[in-house]
Amino acid sequence: MSALRSILLAAVVMGAILLTTALLLAAGGYDVRTALAALWTGSVGSWYSLTSATLVRAVPLMLSGCAVAIAFRAGVFNIGAEGQLLAGAAAATAVALGLPSLGVATLVLALALGAAGGAAWAGIAALLRARFGVLEVISTIMLNFVALYGVSYLVRGPLQEPTHAYPQTMPIAPTVRLVQIPGAGRLHVGLLLAVGAAVAAGWMLRYTASGFRLLAVGESASAAASAGQIDVGAVTTRAFLVSGALAGVAGAVEVLGVTYALYENISPGYGYTAIAVALLAGLDPWRVILSATLFAALEAGAGAMQRDAGVPSTLVSVVEALLILAAVGAQALRMRAGGLSEAAAQPPEQPA
């Protein structure tokens, strides 16, 4: 029954996206048929567009979407996935360029240091929250800008390529890059890593004691501390660090599997889009796989619409925003309906 409900929900979401996009295109005076055809062709209309455009974009969205989902489920509003992604990308690049090329060993170390870089960047906000009570919404947003300008400094200073003609690093050696999946264009094995991380995160939340404690703290920190004897501070800090590590891996995978170098604006906003991905998935890591693929398809198709039909790619951003508002509104209605049902089920008080 739940599987059928998920299929119906996915069909409703896809129908809503198509209808909303068509209405916006018509309101803007664009050729709806041509624009939708370009959207389809650029995202899933061919094997190449599916693998080399959509799924390549989906990989960092899956990892950073899981990062946001885990943090939010613990009651930690980590808005800093973008900065943590950049920190992970910088750390992975430094390892890949600074150590001798030992093939798989250097690649694994680069991925591990990418995760460590993201966790360390999230750890700054976690420390500020635990030690000084600084709201993580503020600290993580500020750290995003620090990471952005930090990458700019690195690619214009210590890590800049030898000719100093371009604000980027030297290319990463082929032996340290993620292997591309045969017959799948630009798609690399980072997809398997991203799907595996999402599956593991969902399993952890559902079937482990650590997941139960995380969910309990997210539902009510005071109840978890008093009734469950849970160390709320330790749980939220661990959630923060795991969230940062996943976002850091997203940055490392992007460098080692797609760009092969670190440069300014290496992320088109994956960390910010990840918030929308997680919200649409209901903060469920398993559903993040689907929502990340959906957002990646929309962004891949947006470029094709702009190129082939003259439609501004920002129109897709409007569709994404409306989609998130609808998802959040539906969640609020479900919570309200659940509260009303619970209240109706309680027996009336007897008069004294």
Protein backbone atom coordinates (compact mmCIF):
# COMPACT_ATOMS: atom_id res chain seq x y z
CA MET A 1 0.00 0.00 0.00
CA SER A 2 2.82 2.38 0.89
CA ALA A 3 4.56 1.55 -2.41
CA LEU A 4 1.36 2.37 -4.33
CA ARG A 5 1.02 5.62 -2.40
CA SER A 6 4.62 6.55 -3.26
CA ILE A 7 3.99 5.86 -6.95
CA LEU A 8 0.82 7.95 -6.92
CA LEU A 9 2.61 10.76 -5.09
CA ALA A 10 5.44 10.73 -7.64
CA ALA A 11 2.89 10.86 -10.48
CA VAL A 12 1.11 13.79 -8.85
CA VAL A 13 4.40 15.65 -8.36
CA MET A 14 5.44 15.12 -11.97
CA GLY A 15 2.03 16.20 -13.22
CA ALA A 16 2.15 19.32 -11.06
CA ILE A 17 5.61 20.19 -12.37
CA LEU A 18 4.56 19.82 -16.00
CA LEU A 19 1.35 21.77 -15.50
CA THR A 20 3.07 24.58 -13.60
CA THR A 21 5.85 24.81 -16.16
CA ALA A 22 3.35 24.91 -19.03
CA LEU A 23 1.33 27.66 -17.35
CA LEU A 24 4.41 29.77 -16.68
CA LEU A 25 5.60 29.30 -20.26
CA ALA A 26 2.21 30.29 -21.64
CA ALA A 27 2.06 33.33 -19.35
CA GLY A 28 5.48 34.41 -20.61
CA GLY A 29 4.45 34.09 -24.23
CA TYR A 30 6.78 31.19 -25.06
CA ASP A 31 6.03 28.23 -27.30
CA VAL A 32 4.96 25.65 -24.69
CA ARG A 33 5.44 22.61 -26.91
CA THR A 34 8.93 23.61 -28.04
CA ALA A 35 10.03 24.53 -24.53
CA LEU A 36 8.75 21.31 -22.92
CA ALA A 37 10.33 19.28 -25.70
CA ALA A 38 13.66 20.97 -24.98
CA LEU A 39 13.20 20.32 -21.24
CA TRP A 40 12.62 16.63 -21.94
CA THR A 41 15.45 16.33 -24.45
CA GLY A 42 17.97 18.06 -22.21
CA SER A 43 17.17 16.00 -19.11
CA VAL A 44 16.01 12.46 -19.91
CA GLY A 45 15.29 12.48 -23.64
CA SER A 46 18.37 10.45 -24.52
CA TRP A 47 20.81 8.14 -22.79
CA TYR A 48 23.53 10.76 -23.01
CA SER A 49 21.41 13.53 -21.49
CA LEU A 50 20.22 11.21 -18.71
CA THR A 51 23.70 10.04 -17.74
CA SER A 52 25.98 12.93 -18.63
CA ALA A 53 23.64 15.78 -17.67
CA THR A 54 21.01 14.66 -15.16
CA LEU A 55 22.73 11.92 -13.17
CA VAL A 56 26.06 13.76 -13.06
CA ARG A 57 24.23 16.67 -11.41
CA ALA A 58 22.28 14.31 -9.16
CA VAL A 59 25.38 12.91 -7.44
CA PRO A 60 26.34 16.02 -5.39
CA LEU A 61 22.65 16.74 -4.78
CA MET A 62 22.13 13.27 -3.31
CA LEU A 63 25.09 13.58 -0.96
CA SER A 64 24.39 17.15 0.14
CA GLY A 65 20.65 16.44 0.30
CA CYS A 66 21.33 13.57 2.72
CA ALA A 67 23.56 15.91 4.69
CA VAL A 68 20.75 18.43 5.10
CA ALA A 69 18.16 15.71 5.85
CA ILE A 70 20.21 14.19 8.69
CA ALA A 71 20.90 17.56 10.28
CA PHE A 72 17.30 18.73 10.04
CA ARG A 73 15.98 15.46 11.48
CA ALA A 74 18.15 16.09 14.52
CA GLY A 75 16.78 19.61 14.93
CA VAL A 76 20.00 21.14 13.58
CA PHE A 77 19.25 23.70 10.89
CA ASN A 78 22.43 23.30 8.89
CA ILE A 79 22.19 25.86 6.07
CA GLY A 80 25.92 25.51 5.41
CA ALA A 81 26.05 22.52 3.07
CA GLU A 82 27.39 24.83 0.34
CA GLY A 83 30.35 25.92 2.45
CA GLN A 84 31.01 22.39 3.67
CA LEU A 85 30.93 21.17 0.06
CA LEU A 86 33.51 23.79 -0.90
CA ALA A 87 35.68 22.89 2.09
CA GLY A 88 35.58 19.23 1.08
CA ALA A 89 36.42 20.08 -2.51
CA ALA A 90 39.41 22.18 -1.42
CA ALA A 91 40.70 19.49 0.95
CA ALA A 92 40.35 16.74 -1.66
CA THR A 93 42.13 18.85 -4.27
CA ALA A 94 45.00 19.64 -1.92
CA VAL A 95 45.50 15.92 -1.25
CA ALA A 96 45.19 14.91 -4.89
CA LEU A 97 47.73 17.51 -6.00
CA GLY A 98 50.04 17.52 -2.99
CA LEU A 99 50.67 13.80 -2.49
CA PRO A 100 52.41 11.38 -4.82
CA SER A 101 49.99 9.75 -7.23
CA LEU A 102 49.46 6.29 -5.77
CA GLY A 103 46.30 5.54 -7.70
CA VAL A 104 43.43 4.18 -5.65
CA ALA A 105 45.18 4.87 -2.33
CA THR A 106 45.49 8.59 -3.10
CA LEU A 107 41.90 8.66 -4.38
CA VAL A 108 40.54 7.09 -1.20
CA LEU A 109 42.63 9.44 0.93
CA ALA A 110 41.35 12.42 -1.06
CA LEU A 111 37.75 11.34 -0.49
CA ALA A 112 38.42 10.79 3.21
CA LEU A 113 40.05 14.21 3.57
CA GLY A 114 37.13 15.73 1.67
CA ALA A 115 34.78 14.26 4.26
CA ALA A 116 37.06 15.48 7.05
CA GLY A 117 37.16 18.97 5.54
CA GLY A 118 33.39 19.18 5.41
CA ALA A 119 33.05 17.83 8.94
CA ALA A 120 35.64 20.31 10.23
CA TRP A 121 33.80 23.20 8.57
CA ALA A 122 30.53 22.06 10.14
CA GLY A 123 32.37 21.57 13.42
CA ILE A 124 33.03 25.31 13.64
CA ALA A 125 29.30 26.00 13.68
CA ALA A 126 28.73 23.08 16.06
CA LEU A 127 31.30 24.51 18.47
CA LEU A 128 29.77 27.98 18.28
CA ARG A 129 26.36 26.52 19.04
CA ALA A 130 27.52 24.33 21.92
CA ARG A 131 29.94 26.79 23.53
CA PHE A 132 28.37 30.20 22.88
CA GLY A 133 24.78 29.43 21.91
CA VAL A 134 25.18 30.90 18.42
CA LEU A 135 22.28 29.94 16.16
CA GLU A 136 23.53 27.56 13.49
CA VAL A 137 21.34 29.23 10.86
CA ILE A 138 23.44 32.39 11.21
CA SER A 139 26.84 30.76 11.63
CA THR A 140 26.47 28.30 8.74
CA ILE A 141 25.29 31.00 6.33
CA MET A 142 28.27 33.17 7.26
CA LEU A 143 30.64 30.22 6.91
CA ASN A 144 29.34 29.66 3.38
CA PHE A 145 30.78 33.02 2.36
CA VAL A 146 34.03 32.35 4.19
CA ALA A 147 34.41 29.07 2.30
CA LEU A 148 33.55 30.75 -1.01
CA TYR A 149 36.20 33.42 -0.61
CA GLY A 150 38.60 30.89 0.86
CA VAL A 151 38.44 28.88 -2.35
CA SER A 152 38.99 32.09 -4.33
CA TYR A 153 42.12 32.75 -2.28
CA LEU A 154 43.44 29.23 -2.81
CA VAL A 155 42.97 29.21 -6.58
CA ARG A 156 44.54 32.67 -6.89
CA GLY A 157 47.33 31.94 -4.42
CA PRO A 158 48.80 28.74 -2.96
CA LEU A 159 47.05 26.29 -5.29
CA GLN A 160 46.96 28.34 -8.50
CA GLU A 161 48.30 26.69 -11.66
CA PRO A 162 51.93 27.57 -12.47
CA THR A 163 51.29 30.07 -15.28
CA HIS A 164 48.98 32.15 -13.04
CA ALA A 165 46.82 32.85 -16.09
CA TYR A 166 43.65 31.24 -14.74
CA PRO A 167 42.09 31.23 -11.24
CA GLN A 168 42.22 27.46 -10.87
CA THR A 169 44.52 24.64 -9.83
CA MET A 170 46.51 22.23 -11.93
CA PRO A 171 44.46 19.32 -13.32
CA ILE A 172 44.27 16.29 -11.08
CA ALA A 173 46.19 13.29 -12.38
CA PRO A 174 44.05 10.72 -14.24
CA THR A 175 45.09 8.00 -11.78
CA VAL A 176 43.46 9.92 -8.91
CA ARG A 177 40.16 10.56 -10.67
CA LEU A 178 36.93 8.67 -10.11
CA VAL A 179 36.42 6.04 -12.80
CA GLN A 180 33.72 6.73 -15.35
CA ILE A 181 30.99 4.11 -15.74
CA PRO A 182 31.47 2.35 -19.11
CA GLY A 183 28.88 3.33 -21.68
CA ALA A 184 27.46 6.11 -19.49
CA GLY A 185 29.19 9.17 -20.89
CA ARG A 186 30.52 11.48 -18.16
CA LEU A 187 28.82 9.58 -15.34
CA HIS A 188 31.29 8.26 -12.77
CA VAL A 189 31.26 5.76 -9.91
CA GLY A 190 30.49 8.58 -7.50
CA LEU A 191 26.85 7.77 -8.29
CA LEU A 192 27.27 4.41 -6.54
CA LEU A 193 28.88 6.18 -3.58
CA ALA A 194 26.02 8.68 -3.37
CA VAL A 195 23.28 6.05 -3.59
CA GLY A 196 25.12 3.88 -1.04
CA ALA A 197 25.42 6.82 1.37
CA ALA A 198 21.70 7.61 1.03
CA VAL A 199 20.72 3.98 1.61
CA ALA A 200 23.03 3.72 4.63
CA ALA A 201 21.73 6.99 6.10
CA GLY A 202 18.10 5.88 5.72
CA TRP A 203 18.86 2.51 7.29
CA MET A 204 20.65 4.20 10.18
CA LEU A 205 17.67 6.44 10.92
CA ARG A 206 15.20 3.56 10.77
CA TYR A 207 16.93 0.61 12.38
CA THR A 208 19.71 1.73 14.73
CA ALA A 209 19.84 3.10 18.26
CA SER A 210 21.84 6.08 17.01
CA GLY A 211 19.08 6.85 14.52
CA PHE A 212 16.42 6.58 17.22
CA ARG A 213 18.30 8.99 19.46
CA LEU A 214 18.76 11.42 16.57
CA LEU A 215 15.06 11.34 15.71
CA ALA A 216 14.06 11.65 19.36
CA VAL A 217 16.20 14.75 19.81
CA GLY A 218 14.80 16.21 16.62
CA GLU A 219 11.21 15.67 17.75
CA SER A 220 11.70 17.08 21.24
CA ALA A 221 15.11 17.73 22.76
CA SER A 222 13.69 18.30 26.25
CA ALA A 223 11.69 15.07 26.21
CA ALA A 224 14.65 13.13 24.86
CA ALA A 225 16.85 14.45 27.67
CA SER A 226 14.37 13.97 30.51
CA ALA A 227 12.45 10.83 29.55
CA GLY A 228 15.00 9.15 27.30
CA GLN A 229 18.16 10.08 29.19
CA ILE A 230 19.75 11.10 25.88
CA ASP A 231 22.76 13.39 25.72
CA VAL A 232 21.21 16.02 23.46
CA GLY A 233 24.42 17.98 22.99
CA ALA A 234 26.39 14.93 21.87
CA VAL A 235 23.66 13.82 19.46
CA THR A 236 23.32 17.23 17.81
CA THR A 237 27.08 17.61 17.50
CA ARG A 238 27.42 14.19 15.88
CA ALA A 239 24.58 15.00 13.50
CA PHE A 240 26.32 18.26 12.60
CA LEU A 241 29.61 16.48 11.90
CA VAL A 242 28.04 13.67 9.87
CA SER A 243 26.08 16.23 7.88
CA GLY A 244 29.24 18.20 7.15
CA ALA A 245 31.13 15.04 6.19
CA LEU A 246 28.50 14.07 3.62
CA ALA A 247 28.53 17.57 2.12
CA GLY A 248 32.34 17.45 2.06
CA VAL A 249 32.25 14.16 0.17
CA ALA A 250 29.90 15.83 -2.34
CA GLY A 251 32.57 18.45 -2.99
CA ALA A 252 35.34 15.86 -3.22
CA VAL A 253 33.32 13.76 -5.68
CA GLU A 254 32.63 16.81 -7.84
CA VAL A 255 36.34 17.61 -8.07
CA LEU A 256 37.56 14.04 -8.51
CA GLY A 257 34.80 12.93 -10.88
CA VAL A 258 33.67 15.95 -12.92
CA THR A 259 35.85 19.09 -12.92
CA TYR A 260 39.27 17.48 -12.19
CA ALA A 261 40.42 20.84 -10.81
CA LEU A 262 39.40 23.38 -8.21
CA TYR A 263 38.30 26.79 -9.44
CA GLU A 264 36.08 29.68 -8.46
CA ASN A 265 32.33 29.02 -8.49
CA ILE A 266 32.92 25.30 -8.78
CA SER A 267 29.48 24.72 -7.25
CA PRO A 268 26.43 26.21 -9.01
CA GLY A 269 24.67 26.25 -5.64
CA TYR A 270 24.42 22.51 -4.95
CA GLY A 271 24.47 23.11 -1.20
CA TYR A 272 21.54 25.51 -1.37
CA THR A 273 19.53 23.32 -3.75
CA ALA A 274 20.17 20.44 -1.33
CA ILE A 275 17.87 22.13 1.19
CA ALA A 276 15.04 22.00 -1.33
CA VAL A 277 15.95 18.41 -2.21
CA ALA A 278 15.77 17.35 1.44
CA LEU A 279 12.50 19.17 2.09
CA LEU A 280 10.80 17.67 -0.96
CA ALA A 281 11.97 14.23 0.21
CA GLY A 282 10.39 14.78 3.61
CA LEU A 283 13.88 14.62 5.18
CA ASP A 284 14.04 10.93 4.26
CA PRO A 285 17.47 9.93 2.86
CA TRP A 286 15.93 7.15 0.75
CA ARG A 287 13.57 9.58 -0.93
CA VAL A 288 16.44 12.02 -1.41
CA ILE A 289 17.66 9.76 -4.21
CA LEU A 290 14.49 10.49 -6.19
CA SER A 291 14.16 14.16 -5.30
CA ALA A 292 17.82 14.82 -6.13
CA THR A 293 17.35 13.17 -9.52
CA LEU A 294 14.23 15.26 -10.11
CA PHE A 295 15.98 18.53 -9.33
CA ALA A 296 18.98 17.50 -11.41
CA ALA A 297 16.68 16.76 -14.35
CA LEU A 298 14.99 20.14 -14.01
CA GLU A 299 18.33 21.96 -13.94
CA ALA A 300 19.69 19.97 -16.88
CA GLY A 301 16.51 20.64 -18.84
CA ALA A 302 16.62 24.33 -17.93
CA GLY A 303 19.85 24.75 -19.84
CA ALA A 304 18.38 23.02 -22.87
CA MET A 305 15.26 25.22 -22.74
CA GLN A 306 17.37 28.35 -22.68
CA ARG A 307 19.59 27.11 -25.49
CA ASP A 308 16.95 25.61 -27.80
CA ALA A 309 13.77 27.54 -27.01
CA GLY A 310 15.04 30.87 -25.71
CA VAL A 311 13.38 30.38 -22.31
CA PRO A 312 15.31 31.86 -19.34
CA SER A 313 16.65 29.09 -17.13
CA THR A 314 15.42 31.03 -14.08
CA LEU A 315 11.90 29.88 -14.93
CA VAL A 316 12.84 26.43 -13.65
CA SER A 317 13.96 28.04 -10.39
CA VAL A 318 10.45 29.45 -10.04
CA VAL A 319 9.01 25.96 -10.61
CA GLU A 320 11.36 24.52 -7.98
CA ALA A 321 10.38 27.20 -5.48
CA LEU A 322 6.66 26.57 -6.04
CA LEU A 323 7.26 22.85 -5.68
CA ILE A 324 8.96 23.33 -2.30
CA LEU A 325 6.20 25.65 -1.08
CA ALA A 326 3.64 23.03 -2.04
CA ALA A 327 5.59 20.29 -0.24
CA VAL A 328 5.99 22.35 2.93
CA GLY A 329 2.33 23.36 2.83
CA ALA A 330 1.21 19.74 2.41
CA GLN A 331 3.40 18.71 5.35
CA ALA A 332 1.86 21.43 7.52
CA LEU A 333 -1.65 20.31 6.56
CA ARG A 334 -0.82 16.68 7.39
CA MET A 335 0.55 17.68 10.79
CA ARG A 336 -2.53 19.79 11.49
CA ALA A 337 -4.86 16.99 10.41
CA GLY A 338 -2.97 14.56 12.63
CA GLY A 339 -3.29 16.89 15.60
CA LEU A 340 -7.01 17.32 15.04
CA SER A 341 -7.52 13.56 14.71
CA GLU A 342 -5.61 12.94 17.95
CA ALA A 343 -7.67 15.55 19.76
CA ALA A 344 -10.94 14.07 18.44
CA ALA A 345 -9.92 10.61 19.59
CA GLN A 346 -9.53 11.70 23.22
CA PRO A 347 -12.60 11.12 25.42
CA PRO A 348 -14.40 14.25 26.61
CA GLU A 349 -13.79 15.39 30.15
CA GLN A 350 -16.48 14.35 32.62
CA PRO A 351 -18.18 17.17 34.48
CA ALA A 352 -17.31 17.43 38.15
